[in-house]
Amino acid sequence: MDGNTTISELKREVRRFNRERDWDQFHGAKDLAIAISLEAAEVLEPFVYKSDKQADEIMKGRKRPEIEDEIADVFWAVIMFAERYEVDLSTALRKKMKKTALRYPIERARGSNKKYTEYA
């Protein structure tokens, strides 16, 4: 469960899993970046040409396990990348949130879907 698992634990599990199979040779930066993108595209596939309401219904239906598998594939690839290249995901996320908070101050961004470059 998310509340009981650390990112470090997940990195160790993924590292062990891949090393047992001698897969590190296939997991360079380029290949992992491609994998992240490809797996993310597979998350999108069930939602193509669907309304927001239809997308919400999909998430309540029989396709949910498939979508969860695809999300797990994205996460797995991110974890592999971070583990191999020593990216501290918690620090990276917090740094990105600080940058994003500067671009999207609450008083301008609250309830708005505008890009920060569109603010007057």
PDB file of N, CA and C in Angstrom:
ATOM      1  N   MET A   1       0.841  -1.190   0.000  1.00  0.00           N
ATOM      2  CA  MET A   1       0.000   0.000   0.000  1.00  0.00           C
ATOM      3  C   MET A   1       0.877   1.241   0.000  1.00  0.00           C
ATOM      4  N   ASP A   2       0.380   2.296  -0.636  1.00  0.00           N
ATOM      5  CA  ASP A   2       1.151   3.527  -0.743  1.00  0.00           C
ATOM      6  C   ASP A   2       1.590   4.063   0.615  1.00  0.00           C
ATOM      7  N   GLY A   3       0.705   4.024   1.592  1.00  0.00           N
ATOM      8  CA  GLY A   3       1.023   4.578   2.900  1.00  0.00           C
ATOM      9  C   GLY A   3       2.063   3.793   3.680  1.00  0.00           C
ATOM     10  N   ASN A   4       2.343   2.572   3.225  1.00  0.00           N
ATOM     11  CA  ASN A   4       3.268   1.712   3.949  1.00  0.00           C
ATOM     12  C   ASN A   4       4.556   1.418   3.190  1.00  0.00           C
ATOM     13  N   THR A   5       4.718   1.992   2.011  1.00  0.00           N
ATOM     14  CA  THR A   5       5.853   1.674   1.152  1.00  0.00           C
ATOM     15  C   THR A   5       6.630   2.940   0.830  1.00  0.00           C
ATOM     16  N   THR A   6       7.938   2.860   0.941  1.00  0.00           N
ATOM     17  CA  THR A   6       8.765   4.011   0.589  1.00  0.00           C
ATOM     18  C   THR A   6       9.246   3.891  -0.847  1.00  0.00           C
ATOM     19  N   ILE A   7       9.641   4.996  -1.411  1.00  0.00           N
ATOM     20  CA  ILE A   7      10.212   4.990  -2.757  1.00  0.00           C
ATOM     21  C   ILE A   7      11.507   4.178  -2.753  1.00  0.00           C
ATOM     22  N   SER A   8      12.281   4.282  -1.684  1.00  0.00           N
ATOM     23  CA  SER A   8      13.521   3.503  -1.584  1.00  0.00           C
ATOM     24  C   SER A   8      13.247   2.006  -1.645  1.00  0.00           C
ATOM     25  N   GLU A   9      12.186   1.570  -0.984  1.00  0.00           N
ATOM     26  CA  GLU A   9      11.817   0.149  -1.028  1.00  0.00           C
ATOM     27  C   GLU A   9      11.466  -0.265  -2.451  1.00  0.00           C
ATOM     28  N   LEU A  10      10.709   0.566  -3.140  1.00  0.00           N
ATOM     29  CA  LEU A  10      10.334   0.245  -4.515  1.00  0.00           C
ATOM     30  C   LEU A  10      11.565   0.203  -5.421  1.00  0.00           C
ATOM     31  N   LYS A  11      12.472   1.141  -5.234  1.00  0.00           N
ATOM     32  CA  LYS A  11      13.703   1.124  -6.030  1.00  0.00           C
ATOM     33  C   LYS A  11      14.474  -0.172  -5.806  1.00  0.00           C
ATOM     34  N   ARG A  12      14.593  -0.611  -4.560  1.00  0.00           N
ATOM     35  CA  ARG A  12      15.303  -1.862  -4.253  1.00  0.00           C
ATOM     36  C   ARG A  12      14.613  -3.057  -4.911  1.00  0.00           C
ATOM     37  N   GLU A  13      13.289  -3.098  -4.826  1.00  0.00           N
ATOM     38  CA  GLU A  13      12.541  -4.216  -5.422  1.00  0.00           C
ATOM     39  C   GLU A  13      12.729  -4.259  -6.930  1.00  0.00           C
ATOM     40  N   VAL A  14      12.632  -3.113  -7.573  1.00  0.00           N
ATOM     41  CA  VAL A  14      12.795  -3.051  -9.029  1.00  0.00           C
ATOM     42  C   VAL A  14      14.235  -3.417  -9.415  1.00  0.00           C
ATOM     43  N   ARG A  15      15.214  -2.895  -8.664  1.00  0.00           N
ATOM     44  CA  ARG A  15      16.620  -3.209  -8.933  1.00  0.00           C
ATOM     45  C   ARG A  15      16.847  -4.715  -8.864  1.00  0.00           C
ATOM     46  N   ARG A  16      16.347  -5.344  -7.786  1.00  0.00           N
ATOM     47  CA  ARG A  16      16.514  -6.789  -7.616  1.00  0.00           C
ATOM     48  C   ARG A  16      15.841  -7.555  -8.759  1.00  0.00           C
ATOM     49  N   PHE A  17      14.611  -7.184  -9.069  1.00  0.00           N
ATOM     50  CA  PHE A  17      13.844  -7.843 -10.119  1.00  0.00           C
ATOM     51  C   PHE A  17      14.604  -7.812 -11.444  1.00  0.00           C
ATOM     52  N   ASN A  18      15.091  -6.628 -11.815  1.00  0.00           N
ATOM     53  CA  ASN A  18      15.786  -6.476 -13.091  1.00  0.00           C
ATOM     54  C   ASN A  18      17.142  -7.184 -13.103  1.00  0.00           C
ATOM     55  N   ARG A  19      17.857  -7.118 -11.995  1.00  0.00           N
ATOM     56  CA  ARG A  19      19.167  -7.782 -11.942  1.00  0.00           C
ATOM     57  C   ARG A  19      19.030  -9.294 -11.991  1.00  0.00           C
ATOM     58  N   GLU A  20      18.006  -9.848 -11.377  1.00  0.00           N
ATOM     59  CA  GLU A  20      17.770 -11.289 -11.443  1.00  0.00           C
ATOM     60  C   GLU A  20      17.571 -11.747 -12.879  1.00  0.00           C
ATOM     61  N   ARG A  21      17.078 -10.872 -13.716  1.00  0.00           N
ATOM     62  CA  ARG A  21      16.796 -11.211 -15.108  1.00  0.00           C
ATOM     63  C   ARG A  21      17.857 -10.678 -16.072  1.00  0.00           C
ATOM     64  N   ASP A  22      18.887 -10.031 -15.532  1.00  0.00           N
ATOM     65  CA  ASP A  22      19.957  -9.436 -16.338  1.00  0.00           C
ATOM     66  C   ASP A  22      19.385  -8.453 -17.372  1.00  0.00           C
ATOM     67  N   TRP A  23      18.475  -7.619 -16.924  1.00  0.00           N
ATOM     68  CA  TRP A  23      17.833  -6.653 -17.816  1.00  0.00           C
ATOM     69  C   TRP A  23      18.474  -5.273 -17.794  1.00  0.00           C
ATOM     70  N   ASP A  24      19.393  -5.021 -16.875  1.00  0.00           N
ATOM     71  CA  ASP A  24      19.995  -3.685 -16.808  1.00  0.00           C
ATOM     72  C   ASP A  24      20.641  -3.279 -18.129  1.00  0.00           C
ATOM     73  N   GLN A  25      21.135  -4.248 -18.870  1.00  0.00           N
ATOM     74  CA  GLN A  25      21.778  -3.961 -20.152  1.00  0.00           C
ATOM     75  C   GLN A  25      20.821  -3.300 -21.154  1.00  0.00           C
ATOM     76  N   PHE A  26      19.529  -3.431 -20.913  1.00  0.00           N
ATOM     77  CA  PHE A  26      18.539  -2.858 -21.830  1.00  0.00           C
ATOM     78  C   PHE A  26      17.950  -1.547 -21.315  1.00  0.00           C
ATOM     79  N   HIS A  27      18.444  -1.079 -20.180  1.00  0.00           N
ATOM     80  CA  HIS A  27      17.795   0.045 -19.507  1.00  0.00           C
ATOM     81  C   HIS A  27      18.691   1.268 -19.382  1.00  0.00           C
ATOM     82  N   GLY A  28      19.176   1.753 -20.511  1.00  0.00           N
ATOM     83  CA  GLY A  28      19.909   3.012 -20.525  1.00  0.00           C
ATOM     84  C   GLY A  28      18.926   4.179 -20.485  1.00  0.00           C
ATOM     85  N   ALA A  29      19.469   5.377 -20.379  1.00  0.00           N
ATOM     86  CA  ALA A  29      18.623   6.576 -20.267  1.00  0.00           C
ATOM     87  C   ALA A  29      17.664   6.701 -21.444  1.00  0.00           C
ATOM     88  N   LYS A  30      18.153   6.499 -22.656  1.00  0.00           N
ATOM     89  CA  LYS A  30      17.311   6.617 -23.850  1.00  0.00           C
ATOM     90  C   LYS A  30      16.171   5.611 -23.810  1.00  0.00           C
ATOM     91  N   ASP A  31      16.509   4.366 -23.520  1.00  0.00           N
ATOM     92  CA  ASP A  31      15.488   3.314 -23.524  1.00  0.00           C
ATOM     93  C   ASP A  31      14.457   3.520 -22.423  1.00  0.00           C
ATOM     94  N   LEU A  32      14.904   3.969 -21.266  1.00  0.00           N
ATOM     95  CA  LEU A  32      13.958   4.218 -20.170  1.00  0.00           C
ATOM     96  C   LEU A  32      13.067   5.419 -20.479  1.00  0.00           C
ATOM     97  N   ALA A  33      13.630   6.457 -21.086  1.00  0.00           N
ATOM     98  CA  ALA A  33      12.820   7.616 -21.468  1.00  0.00           C
ATOM     99  C   ALA A  33      11.772   7.212 -22.503  1.00  0.00           C
ATOM    100  N   ILE A  34      12.170   6.399 -23.454  1.00  0.00           N
ATOM    101  CA  ILE A  34      11.221   5.904 -24.458  1.00  0.00           C
ATOM    102  C   ILE A  34      10.142   5.069 -23.789  1.00  0.00           C
ATOM    103  N   ALA A  35      10.541   4.189 -22.874  1.00  0.00           N
ATOM    104  CA  ALA A  35       9.578   3.328 -22.181  1.00  0.00           C
ATOM    105  C   ALA A  35       8.556   4.160 -21.414  1.00  0.00           C
ATOM    106  N   ILE A  36       9.016   5.204 -20.731  1.00  0.00           N
ATOM    107  CA  ILE A  36       8.087   6.067 -19.991  1.00  0.00           C
ATOM    108  C   ILE A  36       7.057   6.656 -20.942  1.00  0.00           C
ATOM    109  N   SER A  37       7.520   7.166 -22.066  1.00  0.00           N
ATOM    110  CA  SER A  37       6.615   7.781 -23.037  1.00  0.00           C
ATOM    111  C   SER A  37       5.647   6.765 -23.640  1.00  0.00           C
ATOM    112  N   LEU A  38       6.157   5.625 -24.026  1.00  0.00           N
ATOM    113  CA  LEU A  38       5.295   4.594 -24.629  1.00  0.00           C
ATOM    114  C   LEU A  38       4.257   4.073 -23.654  1.00  0.00           C
ATOM    115  N   GLU A  39       4.678   3.816 -22.435  1.00  0.00           N
ATOM    116  CA  GLU A  39       3.732   3.315 -21.442  1.00  0.00           C
ATOM    117  C   GLU A  39       2.684   4.371 -21.103  1.00  0.00           C
ATOM    118  N   ALA A  40       3.093   5.640 -21.053  1.00  0.00           N
ATOM    119  CA  ALA A  40       2.124   6.717 -20.801  1.00  0.00           C
ATOM    120  C   ALA A  40       1.100   6.790 -21.926  1.00  0.00           C
ATOM    121  N   ALA A  41       1.537   6.569 -23.151  1.00  0.00           N
ATOM    122  CA  ALA A  41       0.605   6.567 -24.288  1.00  0.00           C
ATOM    123  C   ALA A  41      -0.404   5.429 -24.154  1.00  0.00           C
ATOM    124  N   GLU A  42       0.028   4.307 -23.594  1.00  0.00           N
ATOM    125  CA  GLU A  42      -0.894   3.188 -23.412  1.00  0.00           C
ATOM    126  C   GLU A  42      -1.946   3.501 -22.350  1.00  0.00           C
ATOM    127  N   VAL A  43      -1.620   4.360 -21.398  1.00  0.00           N
ATOM    128  CA  VAL A  43      -2.622   4.803 -20.425  1.00  0.00           C
ATOM    129  C   VAL A  43      -3.713   5.600 -21.154  1.00  0.00           C
ATOM    130  N   LEU A  44      -3.319   6.365 -22.144  1.00  0.00           N
ATOM    131  CA  LEU A  44      -4.262   7.219 -22.878  1.00  0.00           C
ATOM    132  C   LEU A  44      -5.228   6.443 -23.781  1.00  0.00           C
ATOM    133  N   GLU A  45      -4.777   5.333 -24.297  1.00  0.00           N
ATOM    134  CA  GLU A  45      -5.519   4.635 -25.348  1.00  0.00           C
ATOM    135  C   GLU A  45      -7.009   4.414 -25.064  1.00  0.00           C
ATOM    136  N   PRO A  46      -7.412   3.936 -23.891  1.00  0.00           N
ATOM    137  CA  PRO A  46      -8.848   3.694 -23.673  1.00  0.00           C
ATOM    138  C   PRO A  46      -9.696   4.973 -23.679  1.00  0.00           C
ATOM    139  N   PHE A  47      -9.039   6.127 -23.561  1.00  0.00           N
ATOM    140  CA  PHE A  47      -9.777   7.379 -23.430  1.00  0.00           C
ATOM    141  C   PHE A  47      -9.880   8.176 -24.730  1.00  0.00           C
ATOM    142  N   VAL A  48      -9.268   7.672 -25.788  1.00  0.00           N
ATOM    143  CA  VAL A  48      -9.285   8.391 -27.063  1.00  0.00           C
ATOM    144  C   VAL A  48     -10.725   8.567 -27.537  1.00  0.00           C
ATOM    145  N   TYR A  49     -11.054   9.794 -27.887  1.00  0.00           N
ATOM    146  CA  TYR A  49     -12.375  10.169 -28.422  1.00  0.00           C
ATOM    147  C   TYR A  49     -13.509   9.986 -27.417  1.00  0.00           C
ATOM    148  N   LYS A  50     -13.177   9.978 -26.150  1.00  0.00           N
ATOM    149  CA  LYS A  50     -14.205   9.843 -25.120  1.00  0.00           C
ATOM    150  C   LYS A  50     -14.384  11.186 -24.408  1.00  0.00           C
ATOM    151  N   SER A  51     -15.590  11.439 -23.970  1.00  0.00           N
ATOM    152  CA  SER A  51     -15.865  12.642 -23.188  1.00  0.00           C
ATOM    153  C   SER A  51     -15.315  12.434 -21.770  1.00  0.00           C
ATOM    154  N   ASP A  52     -15.275  13.515 -20.995  1.00  0.00           N
ATOM    155  CA  ASP A  52     -14.847  13.380 -19.606  1.00  0.00           C
ATOM    156  C   ASP A  52     -15.754  12.416 -18.846  1.00  0.00           C
ATOM    157  N   LYS A  53     -17.047  12.502 -19.124  1.00  0.00           N
ATOM    158  CA  LYS A  53     -18.001  11.612 -18.445  1.00  0.00           C
ATOM    159  C   LYS A  53     -17.739  10.155 -18.828  1.00  0.00           C
ATOM    160  N   GLN A  54     -17.509   9.902 -20.109  1.00  0.00           N
ATOM    161  CA  GLN A  54     -17.214   8.545 -20.546  1.00  0.00           C
ATOM    162  C   GLN A  54     -15.905   8.037 -19.934  1.00  0.00           C
ATOM    163  N   ALA A  55     -14.918   8.923 -19.826  1.00  0.00           N
ATOM    164  CA  ALA A  55     -13.635   8.544 -19.227  1.00  0.00           C
ATOM    165  C   ALA A  55     -13.822   8.155 -17.763  1.00  0.00           C
ATOM    166  N   ASP A  56     -14.644   8.924 -17.050  1.00  0.00           N
ATOM    167  CA  ASP A  56     -14.922   8.577 -15.649  1.00  0.00           C
ATOM    168  C   ASP A  56     -15.615   7.218 -15.559  1.00  0.00           C
ATOM    169  N   GLU A  57     -16.511   6.940 -16.480  1.00  0.00           N
ATOM    170  CA  GLU A  57     -17.202   5.646 -16.500  1.00  0.00           C
ATOM    171  C   GLU A  57     -16.229   4.506 -16.794  1.00  0.00           C
ATOM    172  N   ILE A  58     -15.288   4.752 -17.682  1.00  0.00           N
ATOM    173  CA  ILE A  58     -14.278   3.730 -17.985  1.00  0.00           C
ATOM    174  C   ILE A  58     -13.522   3.352 -16.715  1.00  0.00           C
ATOM    175  N   MET A  59     -13.217   4.358 -15.909  1.00  0.00           N
ATOM    176  CA  MET A  59     -12.455   4.099 -14.684  1.00  0.00           C
ATOM    177  C   MET A  59     -13.274   3.344 -13.641  1.00  0.00           C
ATOM    178  N   LYS A  60     -14.574   3.295 -13.808  1.00  0.00           N
ATOM    179  CA  LYS A  60     -15.429   2.530 -12.899  1.00  0.00           C
ATOM    180  C   LYS A  60     -15.723   1.132 -13.437  1.00  0.00           C
ATOM    181  N   GLY A  61     -15.305   0.876 -14.672  1.00  0.00           N
ATOM    182  CA  GLY A  61     -15.707  -0.356 -15.340  1.00  0.00           C
ATOM    183  C   GLY A  61     -14.627  -1.416 -15.440  1.00  0.00           C
ATOM    184  N   ARG A  62     -14.851  -2.321 -16.355  1.00  0.00           N
ATOM    185  CA  ARG A  62     -14.015  -3.506 -16.502  1.00  0.00           C
ATOM    186  C   ARG A  62     -12.614  -3.214 -17.028  1.00  0.00           C
ATOM    187  N   LYS A  63     -12.406  -2.039 -17.640  1.00  0.00           N
ATOM    188  CA  LYS A  63     -11.079  -1.700 -18.154  1.00  0.00           C
ATOM    189  C   LYS A  63     -10.135  -1.167 -17.079  1.00  0.00           C
ATOM    190  N   ARG A  64     -10.665  -0.883 -15.912  1.00  0.00           N
ATOM    191  CA  ARG A  64      -9.833  -0.314 -14.848  1.00  0.00           C
ATOM    192  C   ARG A  64      -8.583  -1.145 -14.555  1.00  0.00           C
ATOM    193  N   PRO A  65      -8.678  -2.472 -14.416  1.00  0.00           N
ATOM    194  CA  PRO A  65      -7.459  -3.242 -14.142  1.00  0.00           C
ATOM    195  C   PRO A  65      -6.392  -3.082 -15.236  1.00  0.00           C
ATOM    196  N   GLU A  66      -6.815  -3.003 -16.487  1.00  0.00           N
ATOM    197  CA  GLU A  66      -5.861  -2.805 -17.585  1.00  0.00           C
ATOM    198  C   GLU A  66      -5.188  -1.444 -17.462  1.00  0.00           C
ATOM    199  N   ILE A  67      -5.963  -0.429 -17.125  1.00  0.00           N
ATOM    200  CA  ILE A  67      -5.422   0.921 -16.980  1.00  0.00           C
ATOM    201  C   ILE A  67      -4.467   0.978 -15.790  1.00  0.00           C
ATOM    202  N   GLU A  68      -4.822   0.316 -14.707  1.00  0.00           N
ATOM    203  CA  GLU A  68      -3.926   0.252 -13.557  1.00  0.00           C
ATOM    204  C   GLU A  68      -2.610  -0.422 -13.933  1.00  0.00           C
ATOM    205  N   ASP A  69      -2.667  -1.474 -14.750  1.00  0.00           N
ATOM    206  CA  ASP A  69      -1.443  -2.124 -15.223  1.00  0.00           C
ATOM    207  C   ASP A  69      -0.570  -1.145 -16.006  1.00  0.00           C
ATOM    208  N   GLU A  70      -1.195  -0.354 -16.856  1.00  0.00           N
ATOM    209  CA  GLU A  70      -0.434   0.609 -17.656  1.00  0.00           C
ATOM    210  C   GLU A  70       0.171   1.705 -16.782  1.00  0.00           C
ATOM    211  N   ILE A  71      -0.581   2.166 -15.791  1.00  0.00           N
ATOM    212  CA  ILE A  71      -0.044   3.159 -14.858  1.00  0.00           C
ATOM    213  C   ILE A  71       1.142   2.559 -14.102  1.00  0.00           C
ATOM    214  N   ALA A  72       1.011   1.300 -13.712  1.00  0.00           N
ATOM    215  CA  ALA A  72       2.117   0.620 -13.029  1.00  0.00           C
ATOM    216  C   ALA A  72       3.336   0.520 -13.940  1.00  0.00           C
ATOM    217  N   ASP A  73       3.123   0.274 -15.229  1.00  0.00           N
ATOM    218  CA  ASP A  73       4.240   0.227 -16.176  1.00  0.00           C
ATOM    219  C   ASP A  73       4.956   1.577 -16.260  1.00  0.00           C
ATOM    220  N   VAL A  74       4.197   2.666 -16.272  1.00  0.00           N
ATOM    221  CA  VAL A  74       4.799   4.009 -16.283  1.00  0.00           C
ATOM    222  C   VAL A  74       5.624   4.199 -15.013  1.00  0.00           C
ATOM    223  N   PHE A  75       5.019   3.882 -13.879  1.00  0.00           N
ATOM    224  CA  PHE A  75       5.687   4.054 -12.593  1.00  0.00           C
ATOM    225  C   PHE A  75       6.948   3.201 -12.522  1.00  0.00           C
ATOM    226  N   TRP A  76       6.851   1.975 -12.994  1.00  0.00           N
ATOM    227  CA  TRP A  76       7.987   1.070 -13.010  1.00  0.00           C
ATOM    228  C   TRP A  76       9.139   1.680 -13.812  1.00  0.00           C
ATOM    229  N   ALA A  77       8.835   2.193 -15.000  1.00  0.00           N
ATOM    230  CA  ALA A  77       9.879   2.795 -15.834  1.00  0.00           C
ATOM    231  C   ALA A  77      10.485   4.028 -15.156  1.00  0.00           C
ATOM    232  N   VAL A  78       9.649   4.831 -14.504  1.00  0.00           N
ATOM    233  CA  VAL A  78      10.159   5.997 -13.780  1.00  0.00           C
ATOM    234  C   VAL A  78      11.070   5.542 -12.637  1.00  0.00           C
ATOM    235  N   ILE A  79      10.642   4.533 -11.899  1.00  0.00           N
ATOM    236  CA  ILE A  79      11.446   4.009 -10.796  1.00  0.00           C
ATOM    237  C   ILE A  79      12.777   3.467 -11.323  1.00  0.00           C
ATOM    238  N   MET A  80      12.746   2.730 -12.440  1.00  0.00           N
ATOM    239  CA  MET A  80      13.986   2.199 -13.011  1.00  0.00           C
ATOM    240  C   MET A  80      14.933   3.329 -13.378  1.00  0.00           C
ATOM    241  N   PHE A  81      14.397   4.367 -14.020  1.00  0.00           N
ATOM    242  CA  PHE A  81      15.214   5.508 -14.417  1.00  0.00           C
ATOM    243  C   PHE A  81      15.829   6.167 -13.187  1.00  0.00           C
ATOM    244  N   ALA A  82      14.995   6.422 -12.202  1.00  0.00           N
ATOM    245  CA  ALA A  82      15.461   7.099 -10.987  1.00  0.00           C
ATOM    246  C   ALA A  82      16.497   6.256 -10.244  1.00  0.00           C
ATOM    247  N   GLU A  83      16.274   4.961 -10.181  1.00  0.00           N
ATOM    248  CA  GLU A  83      17.201   4.078  -9.476  1.00  0.00           C
ATOM    249  C   GLU A  83      18.542   4.030 -10.207  1.00  0.00           C
ATOM    250  N   ARG A  84      18.488   3.848 -11.500  1.00  0.00           N
ATOM    251  CA  ARG A  84      19.729   3.702 -12.271  1.00  0.00           C
ATOM    252  C   ARG A  84      20.555   4.979 -12.283  1.00  0.00           C
ATOM    253  N   TYR A  85      19.891   6.118 -12.370  1.00  0.00           N
ATOM    254  CA  TYR A  85      20.608   7.386 -12.504  1.00  0.00           C
ATOM    255  C   TYR A  85      20.578   8.228 -11.228  1.00  0.00           C
ATOM    256  N   GLU A  86      20.268   7.573 -10.118  1.00  0.00           N
ATOM    257  CA  GLU A  86      20.321   8.186  -8.791  1.00  0.00           C
ATOM    258  C   GLU A  86      19.535   9.500  -8.712  1.00  0.00           C
ATOM    259  N   VAL A  87      18.311   9.460  -9.226  1.00  0.00           N
ATOM    260  CA  VAL A  87      17.408  10.600  -9.107  1.00  0.00           C
ATOM    261  C   VAL A  87      16.617  10.418  -7.819  1.00  0.00           C
ATOM    262  N   ASP A  88      16.711  11.386  -6.936  1.00  0.00           N
ATOM    263  CA  ASP A  88      15.924  11.361  -5.707  1.00  0.00           C
ATOM    264  C   ASP A  88      14.539  11.901  -6.062  1.00  0.00           C
ATOM    265  N   LEU A  89      13.596  11.000  -6.235  1.00  0.00           N
ATOM    266  CA  LEU A  89      12.271  11.392  -6.716  1.00  0.00           C
ATOM    267  C   LEU A  89      11.550  12.346  -5.773  1.00  0.00           C
ATOM    268  N   SER A  90      11.663  12.136  -4.492  1.00  0.00           N
ATOM    269  CA  SER A  90      10.997  13.031  -3.534  1.00  0.00           C
ATOM    270  C   SER A  90      11.542  14.443  -3.653  1.00  0.00           C
ATOM    271  N   THR A  91      12.858  14.566  -3.719  1.00  0.00           N
ATOM    272  CA  THR A  91      13.480  15.883  -3.854  1.00  0.00           C
ATOM    273  C   THR A  91      13.131  16.508  -5.195  1.00  0.00           C
ATOM    274  N   ALA A  92      13.217  15.718  -6.265  1.00  0.00           N
ATOM    275  CA  ALA A  92      12.913  16.243  -7.601  1.00  0.00           C
ATOM    276  C   ALA A  92      11.467  16.748  -7.675  1.00  0.00           C
ATOM    277  N   LEU A  93      10.539  15.980  -7.110  1.00  0.00           N
ATOM    278  CA  LEU A  93       9.138  16.394  -7.132  1.00  0.00           C
ATOM    279  C   LEU A  93       8.925  17.672  -6.333  1.00  0.00           C
ATOM    280  N   ARG A  94       9.508  17.732  -5.170  1.00  0.00           N
ATOM    281  CA  ARG A  94       9.340  18.941  -4.339  1.00  0.00           C
ATOM    282  C   ARG A  94       9.956  20.164  -5.005  1.00  0.00           C
ATOM    283  N   LYS A  95      11.114  20.012  -5.654  1.00  0.00           N
ATOM    284  CA  LYS A  95      11.730  21.128  -6.373  1.00  0.00           C
ATOM    285  C   LYS A  95      10.823  21.583  -7.523  1.00  0.00           C
ATOM    286  N   LYS A  96      10.254  20.621  -8.230  1.00  0.00           N
ATOM    287  CA  LYS A  96       9.358  20.947  -9.348  1.00  0.00           C
ATOM    288  C   LYS A  96       8.105  21.652  -8.842  1.00  0.00           C
ATOM    289  N   MET A  97       7.581  21.206  -7.719  1.00  0.00           N
ATOM    290  CA  MET A  97       6.392  21.860  -7.152  1.00  0.00           C
ATOM    291  C   MET A  97       6.693  23.307  -6.773  1.00  0.00           C
ATOM    292  N   LYS A  98       7.884  23.570  -6.245  1.00  0.00           N
ATOM    293  CA  LYS A  98       8.261  24.948  -5.913  1.00  0.00           C
ATOM    294  C   LYS A  98       8.318  25.811  -7.174  1.00  0.00           C
ATOM    295  N   LYS A  99       8.923  25.288  -8.233  1.00  0.00           N
ATOM    296  CA  LYS A  99       8.982  26.015  -9.505  1.00  0.00           C
ATOM    297  C   LYS A  99       7.573  26.276 -10.042  1.00  0.00           C
ATOM    298  N   THR A 100       6.741  25.265  -9.970  1.00  0.00           N
ATOM    299  CA  THR A 100       5.379  25.377 -10.483  1.00  0.00           C
ATOM    300  C   THR A 100       4.570  26.364  -9.651  1.00  0.00           C
ATOM    301  N   ALA A 101       4.785  26.383  -8.349  1.00  0.00           N
ATOM    302  CA  ALA A 101       4.086  27.339  -7.481  1.00  0.00           C
ATOM    303  C   ALA A 101       4.439  28.775  -7.862  1.00  0.00           C
ATOM    304  N   LEU A 102       5.673  29.011  -8.274  1.00  0.00           N
ATOM    305  CA  LEU A 102       6.068  30.357  -8.707  1.00  0.00           C
ATOM    306  C   LEU A 102       5.388  30.734 -10.015  1.00  0.00           C
ATOM    307  N   ARG A 103       5.245  29.775 -10.901  1.00  0.00           N
ATOM    308  CA  ARG A 103       4.583  30.031 -12.192  1.00  0.00           C
ATOM    309  C   ARG A 103       3.067  30.152 -12.054  1.00  0.00           C
ATOM    310  N   TYR A 104       2.538  29.448 -11.072  1.00  0.00           N
ATOM    311  CA  TYR A 104       1.092  29.406 -10.874  1.00  0.00           C
ATOM    312  C   TYR A 104       0.740  29.827  -9.448  1.00  0.00           C
ATOM    313  N   PRO A 105       0.893  31.126  -9.137  1.00  0.00           N
ATOM    314  CA  PRO A 105       0.534  31.573  -7.787  1.00  0.00           C
ATOM    315  C   PRO A 105      -0.961  31.373  -7.551  1.00  0.00           C
ATOM    316  N   ILE A 106      -1.305  31.046  -6.335  1.00  0.00           N
ATOM    317  CA  ILE A 106      -2.695  30.712  -5.988  1.00  0.00           C
ATOM    318  C   ILE A 106      -3.665  31.789  -6.453  1.00  0.00           C
ATOM    319  N   GLU A 107      -3.325  33.039  -6.213  1.00  0.00           N
ATOM    320  CA  GLU A 107      -4.250  34.130  -6.545  1.00  0.00           C
ATOM    321  C   GLU A 107      -4.523  34.241  -8.042  1.00  0.00           C
ATOM    322  N   ARG A 108      -3.642  33.729  -8.883  1.00  0.00           N
ATOM    323  CA  ARG A 108      -3.868  33.762 -10.330  1.00  0.00           C
ATOM    324  C   ARG A 108      -4.378  32.428 -10.876  1.00  0.00           C
ATOM    325  N   ALA A 109      -3.915  31.351 -10.290  1.00  0.00           N
ATOM    326  CA  ALA A 109      -4.165  30.035 -10.854  1.00  0.00           C
ATOM    327  C   ALA A 109      -5.417  29.343 -10.322  1.00  0.00           C
ATOM    328  N   ARG A 110      -5.871  29.730  -9.171  1.00  0.00           N
ATOM    329  CA  ARG A 110      -7.000  29.031  -8.549  1.00  0.00           C
ATOM    330  C   ARG A 110      -8.214  29.018  -9.486  1.00  0.00           C
ATOM    331  N   GLY A 111      -8.662  27.830  -9.829  1.00  0.00           N
ATOM    332  CA  GLY A 111      -9.840  27.657 -10.672  1.00  0.00           C
ATOM    333  C   GLY A 111      -9.612  27.965 -12.139  1.00  0.00           C
ATOM    334  N   SER A 112      -8.372  28.182 -12.545  1.00  0.00           N
ATOM    335  CA  SER A 112      -8.064  28.539 -13.931  1.00  0.00           C
ATOM    336  C   SER A 112      -7.260  27.428 -14.591  1.00  0.00           C
ATOM    337  N   ASN A 113      -7.530  27.197 -15.858  1.00  0.00           N
ATOM    338  CA  ASN A 113      -6.746  26.214 -16.600  1.00  0.00           C
ATOM    339  C   ASN A 113      -5.790  26.882 -17.589  1.00  0.00           C
ATOM    340  N   LYS A 114      -5.545  28.171 -17.415  1.00  0.00           N
ATOM    341  CA  LYS A 114      -4.626  28.901 -18.284  1.00  0.00           C
ATOM    342  C   LYS A 114      -3.185  28.484 -17.991  1.00  0.00           C
ATOM    343  N   LYS A 115      -2.391  28.499 -19.044  1.00  0.00           N
ATOM    344  CA  LYS A 115      -0.965  28.308 -18.877  1.00  0.00           C
ATOM    345  C   LYS A 115      -0.371  29.577 -18.292  1.00  0.00           C
ATOM    346  N   TYR A 116       0.687  29.460 -17.526  1.00  0.00           N
ATOM    347  CA  TYR A 116       1.260  30.628 -16.854  1.00  0.00           C
ATOM    348  C   TYR A 116       1.644  31.739 -17.821  1.00  0.00           C
ATOM    349  N   THR A 117       1.953  31.398 -19.064  1.00  0.00           N
ATOM    350  CA  THR A 117       2.320  32.412 -20.047  1.00  0.00           C
ATOM    351  C   THR A 117       1.104  33.225 -20.509  1.00  0.00           C
ATOM    352  N   GLU A 118      -0.085  32.779 -20.167  1.00  0.00           N
ATOM    353  CA  GLU A 118      -1.318  33.475 -20.563  1.00  0.00           C
ATOM    354  C   GLU A 118      -1.802  34.469 -19.521  1.00  0.00           C
ATOM    355  N   TYR A 119      -1.155  34.513 -18.364  1.00  0.00           N
ATOM    356  CA  TYR A 119      -1.593  35.448 -17.329  1.00  0.00           C
ATOM    357  C   TYR A 119      -1.305  36.873 -17.778  1.00  0.00           C
ATOM    358  N   ALA A 120      -2.268  37.769 -17.553  1.00  0.00           N
ATOM    359  CA  ALA A 120      -2.090  39.172 -17.947  1.00  0.00           C
ATOM    360  C   ALA A 120      -1.224  39.902 -16.950  1.00  0.00           C
TER     361      ALA A 120
END
